[in-house]
N, C-alpha and C. Protein backbone atom coordinates (compact mmCIF):
# COMPACT_ATOMS: atom_id res chain seq x y z
N MET A 1 44.90 -5.23 19.20
CA MET A 1 44.35 -4.79 20.30
C MET A 1 45.14 -5.01 21.48
N ALA A 2 45.58 -4.45 22.53
CA ALA A 2 46.93 -4.27 23.22
C ALA A 2 46.64 -5.44 24.21
N THR A 3 47.43 -6.11 25.13
CA THR A 3 47.02 -7.38 25.95
C THR A 3 46.37 -6.42 27.39
N GLY A 4 45.50 -7.58 27.49
CA GLY A 4 45.12 -6.95 28.59
C GLY A 4 43.68 -5.80 28.14
N ALA A 5 43.65 -5.67 27.18
CA ALA A 5 42.21 -4.79 26.60
C ALA A 5 41.01 -5.48 27.01
N VAL A 6 40.00 -4.70 27.35
CA VAL A 6 38.98 -5.11 27.56
C VAL A 6 37.79 -5.40 26.78
N LEU A 7 37.43 -6.31 26.49
CA LEU A 7 36.40 -6.57 25.52
C LEU A 7 35.43 -6.88 25.97
N GLY A 8 35.10 -7.25 27.42
CA GLY A 8 34.10 -7.94 28.23
C GLY A 8 34.68 -8.09 29.50
N ARG A 9 33.55 -9.07 30.23
CA ARG A 9 34.06 -9.52 31.45
C ARG A 9 32.96 -10.89 31.26
N ALA A 10 33.85 -11.78 31.93
CA ALA A 10 33.22 -13.01 32.51
C ALA A 10 32.22 -13.17 33.53
N VAL A 11 31.19 -14.22 33.35
CA VAL A 11 30.34 -14.67 34.29
C VAL A 11 30.21 -15.80 34.18
N GLY A 12 30.96 -16.26 35.36
CA GLY A 12 30.89 -17.83 36.03
C GLY A 12 31.70 -18.83 35.02
N HIS A 13 33.11 -18.13 34.34
CA HIS A 13 33.91 -19.13 33.79
C HIS A 13 34.31 -19.86 34.46
N VAL A 14 34.95 -21.16 34.15
CA VAL A 14 35.25 -22.10 34.73
C VAL A 14 36.95 -22.34 34.00
N VAL A 15 37.69 -21.85 35.55
CA VAL A 15 39.43 -22.05 35.11
C VAL A 15 40.21 -22.96 36.14
N GLU A 16 39.46 -23.66 36.60
CA GLU A 16 40.03 -24.45 37.93
C GLU A 16 41.28 -25.11 37.21
N ALA A 17 41.31 -25.92 35.76
CA ALA A 17 42.43 -26.37 35.46
C ALA A 17 43.72 -25.42 35.08
N ALA A 18 43.18 -24.40 34.92
CA ALA A 18 44.33 -23.25 34.35
C ALA A 18 45.55 -23.19 35.23
N SER A 19 45.46 -23.31 36.82
CA SER A 19 46.32 -22.98 37.45
C SER A 19 47.44 -24.23 37.62
N ASP A 20 46.83 -25.53 36.96
CA ASP A 20 47.76 -26.56 36.87
C ASP A 20 48.05 -26.59 35.18
N ALA A 21 48.02 -25.91 34.59
CA ALA A 21 47.94 -25.80 33.27
C ALA A 21 49.44 -25.63 32.70
N PRO A 22 50.03 -26.35 31.90
CA PRO A 22 51.65 -25.53 31.84
C PRO A 22 51.65 -24.46 30.78
N GLU A 23 52.18 -23.71 30.96
CA GLU A 23 52.25 -22.62 30.15
C GLU A 23 51.84 -22.48 28.57
N THR A 24 52.44 -23.25 28.05
CA THR A 24 52.02 -23.57 26.63
C THR A 24 51.14 -24.65 26.23
N VAL A 25 49.83 -24.46 26.13
CA VAL A 25 49.17 -25.61 25.98
C VAL A 25 48.20 -26.11 24.81
N VAL A 26 48.69 -25.00 23.55
CA VAL A 26 48.04 -25.33 22.73
C VAL A 26 48.36 -25.93 21.62
N PRO A 27 47.59 -27.17 21.42
CA PRO A 27 47.88 -28.34 20.79
C PRO A 27 48.54 -27.90 19.27
N GLU A 28 48.86 -28.73 18.45
CA GLU A 28 49.53 -28.31 17.00
C GLU A 28 48.75 -29.42 16.44
N PRO A 29 48.07 -29.25 15.32
CA PRO A 29 48.01 -27.77 14.97
C PRO A 29 46.54 -27.80 15.88
N SER A 30 46.43 -26.14 15.73
CA SER A 30 45.19 -25.83 16.62
C SER A 30 44.37 -24.89 15.75
N LEU A 31 43.06 -25.00 15.85
CA LEU A 31 42.33 -24.29 15.07
C LEU A 31 41.12 -24.12 16.35
N ILE A 32 40.96 -22.53 16.24
CA ILE A 32 39.65 -22.24 17.03
C ILE A 32 38.69 -21.57 16.13
N SER A 33 37.20 -22.18 16.13
CA SER A 33 36.44 -21.46 15.11
C SER A 33 35.29 -20.72 16.21
N ILE A 34 35.41 -19.91 15.29
CA ILE A 34 34.30 -18.67 15.88
C ILE A 34 32.91 -18.73 15.18
N VAL A 35 31.64 -19.15 16.08
CA VAL A 35 30.38 -19.33 15.58
C VAL A 35 29.69 -17.78 16.30
N ASP A 36 29.29 -17.22 15.43
CA ASP A 36 28.84 -15.63 15.81
C ASP A 36 27.84 -14.77 14.94
N ASP A 37 26.62 -14.42 15.14
CA ASP A 37 26.37 -13.84 13.90
C ASP A 37 26.29 -12.62 13.51
N ASP A 38 27.35 -11.57 14.73
CA ASP A 38 27.67 -10.45 14.67
C ASP A 38 29.09 -10.34 13.97
N GLN A 39 28.94 -9.80 12.83
CA GLN A 39 30.16 -9.66 12.16
C GLN A 39 30.95 -8.87 12.85
N SER A 40 30.64 -7.71 13.20
CA SER A 40 31.97 -7.01 13.94
C SER A 40 32.47 -7.57 15.00
N PHE A 41 31.61 -8.34 16.06
CA PHE A 41 32.42 -9.03 17.39
C PHE A 41 33.41 -10.22 16.64
N ARG A 42 32.42 -10.89 15.72
CA ARG A 42 33.20 -12.24 14.83
C ARG A 42 34.75 -11.56 14.47
N ASP A 43 34.77 -10.48 13.83
CA ASP A 43 35.85 -9.77 12.92
C ASP A 43 36.64 -9.63 13.80
N SER A 44 36.61 -8.68 15.34
CA SER A 44 37.09 -8.46 16.14
C SER A 44 37.91 -9.44 17.04
N LEU A 45 36.95 -10.61 17.26
CA LEU A 45 37.41 -11.78 18.30
C LEU A 45 38.77 -12.31 17.23
N ARG A 46 38.28 -12.58 15.98
CA ARG A 46 39.47 -13.12 15.08
C ARG A 46 40.78 -12.43 15.05
N ARG A 47 40.50 -11.16 15.03
CA ARG A 47 42.04 -10.57 14.83
C ARG A 47 42.78 -10.72 16.12
N LEU A 48 41.84 -10.53 17.37
CA LEU A 48 42.47 -10.75 18.60
C LEU A 48 43.36 -12.33 19.02
N LEU A 49 42.59 -13.23 18.48
CA LEU A 49 43.11 -14.52 18.54
C LEU A 49 44.07 -14.54 17.92
N LYS A 50 44.06 -14.21 16.45
CA LYS A 50 45.17 -14.28 15.54
C LYS A 50 46.48 -13.27 16.02
N SER A 51 46.11 -12.60 16.72
CA SER A 51 47.06 -11.73 17.45
C SER A 51 47.96 -12.34 18.45
N HIS A 52 47.22 -13.68 19.02
CA HIS A 52 47.88 -14.18 20.08
C HIS A 52 48.52 -15.47 19.41
N GLY A 53 48.58 -15.73 18.19
CA GLY A 53 49.05 -16.81 17.16
C GLY A 53 48.16 -17.81 16.86
N TYR A 54 46.94 -17.63 17.47
CA TYR A 54 45.77 -18.92 17.11
C TYR A 54 45.50 -18.63 15.51
N THR A 55 45.40 -20.00 15.22
CA THR A 55 44.45 -19.93 13.89
C THR A 55 43.19 -20.29 13.81
N VAL A 56 42.16 -19.32 13.10
CA VAL A 56 41.04 -19.08 13.65
C VAL A 56 40.35 -19.15 12.33
N ALA A 57 39.14 -19.90 12.37
CA ALA A 57 38.12 -20.09 11.19
C ALA A 57 36.73 -19.53 11.77
N VAL A 58 36.03 -18.41 11.04
CA VAL A 58 34.64 -17.75 11.19
C VAL A 58 33.69 -18.27 10.67
N PHE A 59 32.74 -18.41 11.37
CA PHE A 59 31.09 -18.77 10.84
C PHE A 59 30.21 -17.73 10.92
N THR A 60 29.13 -17.71 10.53
CA THR A 60 28.25 -16.39 10.75
C THR A 60 26.81 -17.46 11.47
N SER A 61 26.67 -19.01 11.56
CA SER A 61 25.90 -19.43 11.87
C SER A 61 26.37 -21.03 12.31
N ALA A 62 25.46 -21.60 13.18
CA ALA A 62 25.72 -23.00 13.62
C ALA A 62 25.59 -23.73 12.54
N ALA A 63 24.58 -23.62 11.48
CA ALA A 63 24.50 -24.52 10.27
C ALA A 63 25.82 -24.55 9.30
N GLU A 64 26.24 -23.03 9.34
CA GLU A 64 27.42 -22.75 8.61
C GLU A 64 28.78 -23.94 8.96
N PHE A 65 28.82 -23.80 10.24
CA PHE A 65 29.76 -24.44 11.15
C PHE A 65 29.92 -25.81 10.89
N LEU A 66 28.74 -26.75 11.07
CA LEU A 66 28.05 -27.58 11.36
C LEU A 66 28.58 -28.53 9.66
N ALA A 67 28.46 -27.57 8.90
CA ALA A 67 28.60 -28.16 7.12
C ALA A 67 29.82 -27.93 7.00
N SER A 68 30.58 -27.01 7.75
CA SER A 68 31.94 -26.95 7.06
C SER A 68 33.28 -28.03 7.34
N THR A 69 33.99 -27.91 6.26
CA THR A 69 35.28 -28.95 6.53
C THR A 69 36.15 -28.73 7.74
N GLN A 70 35.78 -27.80 8.17
CA GLN A 70 36.59 -26.95 9.45
C GLN A 70 36.22 -28.12 10.65
N LEU A 71 34.93 -28.42 10.82
CA LEU A 71 34.24 -28.80 11.71
C LEU A 71 35.46 -30.00 12.71
N PRO A 72 35.85 -31.10 11.86
CA PRO A 72 36.81 -32.25 12.48
C PRO A 72 38.24 -31.56 12.82
N ALA A 73 38.52 -30.58 12.51
CA ALA A 73 40.07 -30.07 12.73
C ALA A 73 40.11 -29.04 13.87
N THR A 74 38.77 -28.48 14.15
CA THR A 74 38.51 -27.71 15.44
C THR A 74 38.98 -28.14 16.81
N THR A 75 39.68 -27.44 17.31
CA THR A 75 39.97 -27.86 18.65
C THR A 75 39.68 -26.89 19.67
N CYS A 76 39.17 -26.09 19.70
CA CYS A 76 38.45 -25.29 20.27
C CYS A 76 37.36 -24.52 19.55
N LEU A 77 36.08 -24.51 20.36
CA LEU A 77 34.70 -23.58 19.52
C LEU A 77 34.37 -22.59 20.50
N VAL A 78 34.14 -21.19 19.93
CA VAL A 78 33.67 -20.02 20.73
C VAL A 78 32.58 -19.66 20.02
N ALA A 79 31.51 -19.89 20.78
CA ALA A 79 30.24 -19.38 19.81
C ALA A 79 29.26 -18.80 20.97
N ASP A 80 28.67 -17.76 19.91
CA ASP A 80 27.59 -16.97 20.62
C ASP A 80 26.45 -17.73 21.18
N ILE A 81 26.05 -17.29 22.21
CA ILE A 81 24.50 -18.00 22.68
C ILE A 81 23.56 -17.96 21.86
N HIS A 82 22.96 -16.56 21.60
CA HIS A 82 22.17 -15.89 21.09
C HIS A 82 22.07 -15.75 19.81
N MET A 83 21.61 -16.79 18.86
CA MET A 83 21.93 -16.62 17.18
C MET A 83 20.43 -17.14 16.84
N PRO A 84 20.16 -17.22 15.70
CA PRO A 84 18.92 -17.24 15.00
C PRO A 84 19.09 -18.71 14.71
N ALA A 85 17.89 -19.37 14.35
CA ALA A 85 17.80 -20.75 13.93
C ALA A 85 18.37 -21.94 15.08
N MET A 86 19.84 -21.74 15.20
CA MET A 86 20.62 -22.58 16.25
C MET A 86 21.14 -21.42 17.29
N THR A 87 21.29 -22.03 18.36
CA THR A 87 21.82 -21.00 19.71
C THR A 87 23.16 -21.56 19.78
N GLY A 88 24.25 -20.94 20.41
CA GLY A 88 25.35 -21.62 20.63
C GLY A 88 25.28 -22.77 21.60
N ALA A 89 24.23 -22.78 22.72
CA ALA A 89 23.93 -23.98 23.64
C ALA A 89 23.49 -25.17 22.47
N GLU A 90 22.58 -25.30 21.75
CA GLU A 90 21.85 -26.04 20.86
C GLU A 90 23.22 -26.53 20.09
N LEU A 91 23.74 -25.82 19.45
CA LEU A 91 25.20 -26.15 18.89
C LEU A 91 26.17 -27.13 19.42
N TYR A 92 26.22 -26.56 20.79
CA TYR A 92 27.26 -27.45 21.55
C TYR A 92 26.54 -28.83 21.93
N GLN A 93 25.32 -28.80 22.37
CA GLN A 93 24.33 -29.99 22.58
C GLN A 93 24.60 -31.18 21.02
N ARG A 94 24.13 -30.50 20.10
CA ARG A 94 24.39 -31.32 18.81
C ARG A 94 25.85 -31.61 18.46
N LEU A 95 26.50 -30.89 18.62
CA LEU A 95 28.13 -31.66 18.71
C LEU A 95 28.33 -33.11 19.74
N ILE A 96 27.85 -32.57 20.99
CA ILE A 96 28.13 -33.66 21.78
C ILE A 96 27.41 -35.09 21.33
N ALA A 97 26.06 -34.64 21.00
CA ALA A 97 25.18 -35.82 20.34
C ALA A 97 25.71 -36.24 18.82
N MET A 98 26.56 -35.53 18.24
CA MET A 98 27.46 -36.17 17.08
C MET A 98 28.57 -36.88 17.27
N GLY A 99 29.06 -36.94 18.54
CA GLY A 99 30.40 -37.58 18.79
C GLY A 99 31.43 -36.67 18.77
N HIS A 100 31.15 -35.45 18.64
CA HIS A 100 32.33 -34.08 18.65
C HIS A 100 32.37 -33.39 20.04
N ALA A 101 33.36 -34.07 21.10
CA ALA A 101 33.41 -33.20 22.36
C ALA A 101 34.13 -32.37 22.26
N ILE A 102 34.14 -31.18 21.60
CA ILE A 102 34.88 -30.13 21.13
C ILE A 102 35.04 -29.38 22.41
N PRO A 103 36.32 -28.69 22.93
CA PRO A 103 36.13 -27.94 24.08
C PRO A 103 35.43 -26.47 23.67
N THR A 104 33.92 -26.06 24.43
CA THR A 104 33.37 -24.92 23.68
C THR A 104 33.48 -24.14 24.84
N ILE A 105 33.60 -22.63 24.38
CA ILE A 105 33.24 -21.49 25.28
C ILE A 105 32.23 -20.57 24.78
N LEU A 106 31.09 -20.74 25.25
CA LEU A 106 30.32 -19.82 25.36
C LEU A 106 29.87 -18.56 25.84
N ILE A 107 29.71 -17.52 24.82
CA ILE A 107 29.78 -16.20 25.17
C ILE A 107 28.20 -15.70 24.79
N THR A 108 27.89 -14.65 25.95
CA THR A 108 26.59 -14.06 25.71
C THR A 108 26.88 -12.53 25.86
N ALA A 109 25.71 -11.72 25.01
CA ALA A 109 25.54 -10.69 25.91
C ALA A 109 24.27 -10.30 27.00
N TYR A 110 23.69 -11.39 27.08
CA TYR A 110 22.73 -11.52 28.14
C TYR A 110 22.70 -12.86 28.79
N PRO A 111 23.42 -12.57 29.82
CA PRO A 111 23.86 -14.01 30.72
C PRO A 111 22.35 -14.12 31.38
N GLU A 112 22.51 -15.65 31.55
CA GLU A 112 21.24 -15.99 32.16
C GLU A 112 21.90 -17.04 33.26
N GLU A 113 21.57 -17.03 34.31
CA GLU A 113 22.23 -17.77 35.57
C GLU A 113 21.99 -19.34 35.37
N GLY A 114 20.66 -19.72 34.82
CA GLY A 114 20.22 -20.97 34.80
C GLY A 114 20.78 -21.74 33.49
N VAL A 115 20.85 -20.84 32.98
CA VAL A 115 21.59 -21.41 31.39
C VAL A 115 23.18 -21.59 31.61
N ARG A 116 23.89 -20.65 32.40
CA ARG A 116 25.03 -20.73 32.73
C ARG A 116 25.37 -21.99 33.53
N GLN A 117 24.44 -22.39 34.53
CA GLN A 117 24.82 -23.70 35.39
C GLN A 117 24.49 -24.66 34.49
N ARG A 118 23.36 -24.71 33.69
CA ARG A 118 23.04 -25.94 32.83
C ARG A 118 24.11 -26.18 32.00
N MET A 119 24.75 -25.02 31.12
CA MET A 119 25.87 -25.24 30.14
C MET A 119 27.14 -25.85 30.84
N LEU A 120 27.58 -25.36 32.03
CA LEU A 120 28.52 -25.76 32.65
C LEU A 120 28.44 -27.14 33.15
N SER A 121 27.39 -27.31 33.78
CA SER A 121 27.16 -28.93 34.40
C SER A 121 27.27 -29.83 32.93
N LEU A 122 26.97 -28.95 31.44
CA LEU A 122 27.28 -30.15 30.72
C LEU A 122 28.33 -30.41 29.91
N GLY A 123 29.22 -29.43 30.47
CA GLY A 123 31.02 -29.75 30.03
C GLY A 123 31.31 -28.36 29.24
N VAL A 124 30.48 -27.38 29.25
CA VAL A 124 31.25 -26.12 28.48
C VAL A 124 32.25 -25.66 29.08
N SER A 125 33.54 -25.75 28.61
CA SER A 125 34.51 -25.00 29.24
C SER A 125 34.31 -23.63 30.18
N CYS A 126 33.77 -22.68 29.05
CA CYS A 126 33.44 -21.48 29.81
C CYS A 126 32.38 -20.54 29.36
N TYR A 127 31.67 -20.15 30.18
CA TYR A 127 30.65 -19.19 29.91
C TYR A 127 30.99 -17.65 30.10
N LEU A 128 31.11 -16.78 29.13
CA LEU A 128 31.59 -15.45 29.14
C LEU A 128 30.33 -14.50 28.73
N HIS A 129 30.43 -13.12 29.43
CA HIS A 129 29.56 -12.26 28.91
C HIS A 129 30.44 -11.21 28.10
N LYS A 130 29.74 -11.04 27.08
CA LYS A 130 30.22 -9.74 26.28
C LYS A 130 30.06 -8.37 26.95
N PRO A 131 30.72 -7.35 26.69
CA PRO A 131 31.89 -7.88 26.09
C PRO A 131 33.15 -8.61 26.78
N LEU A 132 34.06 -9.00 26.32
CA LEU A 132 35.38 -9.91 26.98
C LEU A 132 36.03 -9.33 27.42
N ASP A 133 36.78 -9.75 28.28
CA ASP A 133 38.26 -9.27 29.23
C ASP A 133 39.03 -10.22 28.41
N GLU A 134 40.11 -9.58 27.51
CA GLU A 134 40.80 -10.39 27.00
C GLU A 134 41.59 -11.40 27.48
N ALA A 135 42.08 -11.17 28.78
CA ALA A 135 42.81 -11.96 29.82
C ALA A 135 42.17 -13.25 30.35
N VAL A 136 40.74 -13.40 30.30
CA VAL A 136 40.14 -14.13 30.89
C VAL A 136 39.70 -14.74 29.62
N LEU A 137 39.34 -14.53 28.29
CA LEU A 137 39.05 -15.41 27.67
C LEU A 137 40.48 -16.29 26.98
N ILE A 138 41.72 -15.67 27.04
CA ILE A 138 43.01 -16.31 26.73
C ILE A 138 43.35 -17.78 27.93
N ASP A 139 42.74 -17.48 29.17
CA ASP A 139 42.97 -18.08 30.05
C ASP A 139 41.81 -19.21 29.90
N CYS A 140 40.70 -18.99 29.48
CA CYS A 140 39.64 -20.00 29.17
C CYS A 140 40.15 -20.98 27.89
N LEU A 141 40.85 -20.39 26.84
CA LEU A 141 41.29 -21.07 25.80
C LEU A 141 42.24 -22.04 26.37
N ARG A 142 43.65 -21.35 27.49
CA ARG A 142 44.24 -22.31 27.65
C ARG A 142 43.93 -23.51 28.55
N CYS A 143 42.95 -23.26 29.56
CA CYS A 143 42.16 -24.17 30.06
C CYS A 143 41.60 -25.28 29.20
N ALA A 144 40.69 -24.78 27.96
CA ALA A 144 39.94 -25.67 27.36
C ALA A 144 40.81 -26.63 26.58
N PHE A 145 42.12 -26.02 25.81
CA PHE A 145 43.22 -26.91 25.63
C PHE A 145 43.71 -27.88 26.33
N ALA A 146 43.72 -27.46 27.59
CA ALA A 146 44.62 -28.23 28.54
C ALA A 146 43.93 -29.50 28.97
N ARG A 147 42.14 -29.38 28.81
CA ARG A 147 41.40 -30.71 29.11
C ARG A 147 41.37 -31.43 27.62
N ASP A 148 41.56 -30.68 26.92
CA ASP A 148 41.59 -31.86 25.45
C ASP A 148 42.56 -32.16 25.18
N LYS A 149 42.98 -33.43 25.36
CA LYS A 149 44.14 -34.14 25.07
C LYS A 149 43.90 -35.10 23.78
N THR A 150 42.81 -35.11 22.95
CA THR A 150 42.58 -35.64 21.98
C THR A 150 43.42 -35.37 20.75
N PRO A 151 44.07 -36.14 20.09
CA PRO A 151 44.89 -35.57 19.02
C PRO A 151 44.27 -35.53 17.90
N ARG A 152 44.42 -34.37 17.21
CA ARG A 152 43.65 -33.89 16.01
C ARG A 152 44.19 -34.14 14.70
N VAL A 153 43.71 -34.13 13.71
CA VAL A 153 44.28 -34.07 12.18
C VAL A 153 44.08 -33.10 11.29
N ALA A 154 44.84 -32.36 10.96
CA ALA A 154 44.54 -31.09 10.10
C ALA A 154 43.70 -31.30 8.94
N PRO A 155 42.95 -30.56 8.31
CA PRO A 155 42.46 -30.99 7.03
C PRO A 155 43.32 -30.54 5.96
């Protein structure tokens, strides 16, 4: 996919730190975990992020991600809000409760202002609307990585 291609648009994303962030802020090693029940979107997002040089793992559900060996190595989580069994918002809150403060970008095709405000107030890095704008997503990733200074160990 070409740089700047439209995959969607942002709704209330947080990028304040992006202007202060250095151009290269991806920690080594970095792993972005994508949790989305839509295979087409998941595969498209995986290809896009790989084209930007990121290492990516994909999961069909929050439960699959929580049970994976990739969880401790994840440096950024991109999760769909509306998924069966456990939503992306619930996944984020479960991770915080478990002591895994992973920078998280929540994505939704059905934006709700109340959910957006609540998630941003809880510390979610960005709240984006499907389809995604590639440049906004990459900016959100840079912002999320800039805020996460915790050293990680590869699996």
